[in-house]
């Protein structure tokens, strides 16, 4: 696994743990309410990105199959589409 994939995996795992912790009791406060729809979607995107990393598909656009670029992946490690395909999907 290259350094970008390791960096992305670490960031994604940390974000996923932070989201999951919102649904567990914390010593000084009650359990927070369930995750919002946006948080659930973010968690699903994180889990999908971790799967892509595990199977060696990280960094490839799901639509065109092209490389997504290091800057995009550093900014949005859970991104599924390259900039061109992402713009076309809007």
Protein backbone atom coordinates (compact mmCIF):
# COMPACT_ATOMS: atom_id res chain seq x y z
CA UNK A 1 0.00 0.00 0.00
CA UNK A 2 1.45 3.35 -0.93
CA UNK A 3 1.83 6.26 1.46
CA UNK A 4 -1.23 8.13 0.12
CA UNK A 5 -3.46 5.11 0.70
CA UNK A 6 -2.04 4.68 4.24
CA UNK A 7 -2.56 8.37 4.95
CA UNK A 8 -6.13 8.19 3.65
CA UNK A 9 -6.88 4.98 5.58
CA UNK A 10 -5.66 6.55 8.83
CA UNK A 11 -7.75 9.70 8.28
CA UNK A 12 -10.84 7.70 7.31
CA UNK A 13 -10.54 5.36 10.29
CA UNK A 14 -10.23 8.33 12.63
CA UNK A 15 -13.29 10.07 11.14
CA UNK A 16 -15.30 6.84 11.24
CA UNK A 17 -14.43 6.25 14.88
CA UNK A 18 -15.42 9.81 15.74
CA UNK A 19 -18.82 9.34 14.08
CA UNK A 20 -19.40 5.94 15.67
CA UNK A 21 -18.49 7.30 19.11
CA UNK A 22 -21.46 9.70 18.89
CA UNK A 23 -23.79 6.74 19.32
CA UNK A 24 -22.03 5.25 22.37
CA UNK A 25 -22.29 6.39 25.97
CA UNK A 26 -19.60 8.77 27.16
CA UNK A 27 -18.73 8.92 30.86
CA UNK A 28 -19.88 12.49 31.51
CA UNK A 29 -22.91 12.71 29.22
CA UNK A 30 -25.85 10.74 27.99
CA UNK A 31 -25.83 9.01 24.65
CA UNK A 32 -26.28 11.57 21.92
CA UNK A 33 -29.17 11.15 19.55
CA UNK A 34 -28.86 8.95 16.51
CA UNK A 35 -26.65 10.10 13.68
CA UNK A 36 -28.14 12.55 11.22
CA UNK A 37 -28.76 11.43 7.66
CA UNK A 38 -25.65 13.35 6.51
CA UNK A 39 -23.55 11.64 9.20
CA UNK A 40 -24.88 8.20 8.20
CA UNK A 41 -24.03 8.95 4.56
CA UNK A 42 -20.55 10.11 5.57
CA UNK A 43 -20.00 6.91 7.55
CA UNK A 44 -21.12 4.79 4.58
CA UNK A 45 -18.77 6.73 2.28
CA UNK A 46 -15.92 6.20 4.74
CA UNK A 47 -16.59 2.46 4.95
CA UNK A 48 -16.77 2.19 1.15
CA UNK A 49 -13.46 4.06 0.80
CA UNK A 50 -11.82 1.76 3.36
CA UNK A 51 -13.03 -1.21 1.31
CA UNK A 52 -11.55 0.31 -1.87
CA UNK A 53 -8.24 0.76 -0.06
CA UNK A 54 -8.31 -2.85 1.18
CA UNK A 55 -8.97 -4.30 -2.28
CA UNK A 56 -6.51 -2.05 -4.10
CA UNK A 57 -9.02 0.14 -5.94
CA UNK A 58 -8.34 3.34 -4.03
CA UNK A 59 -7.66 6.36 -6.22
CA UNK A 60 -9.54 5.15 -9.30
CA UNK A 61 -12.69 6.89 -10.50
CA UNK A 62 -15.73 4.61 -10.31
CA UNK A 63 -17.15 6.09 -13.52
CA UNK A 64 -14.23 6.40 -15.97
CA UNK A 65 -11.61 4.26 -14.20
CA UNK A 66 -9.00 7.00 -14.42
CA UNK A 67 -6.69 8.16 -11.67
CA UNK A 68 -8.26 10.69 -9.33
CA UNK A 69 -5.18 12.70 -8.41
CA UNK A 70 -3.30 13.02 -5.15
CA UNK A 71 -4.62 16.48 -4.27
CA UNK A 72 -8.25 15.35 -4.59
CA UNK A 73 -7.64 12.22 -2.53
CA UNK A 74 -5.84 14.15 0.19
CA UNK A 75 -8.73 16.63 0.38
CA UNK A 76 -11.54 14.07 0.06
CA UNK A 77 -10.20 10.55 0.68
CA UNK A 78 -13.68 9.06 0.35
CA UNK A 79 -14.18 10.56 -3.14
CA UNK A 80 -15.59 8.09 -5.65
CA UNK A 81 -15.21 10.12 -8.83
CA UNK A 82 -12.48 12.19 -10.48
CA UNK A 83 -13.05 15.93 -10.85
CA UNK A 84 -14.29 15.61 -14.44
CA UNK A 85 -16.79 12.84 -13.72
CA UNK A 86 -17.90 14.54 -10.51
CA UNK A 87 -18.68 17.73 -12.43
CA UNK A 88 -20.61 15.77 -15.07
CA UNK A 89 -22.76 14.10 -12.39
CA UNK A 90 -24.16 17.42 -11.12
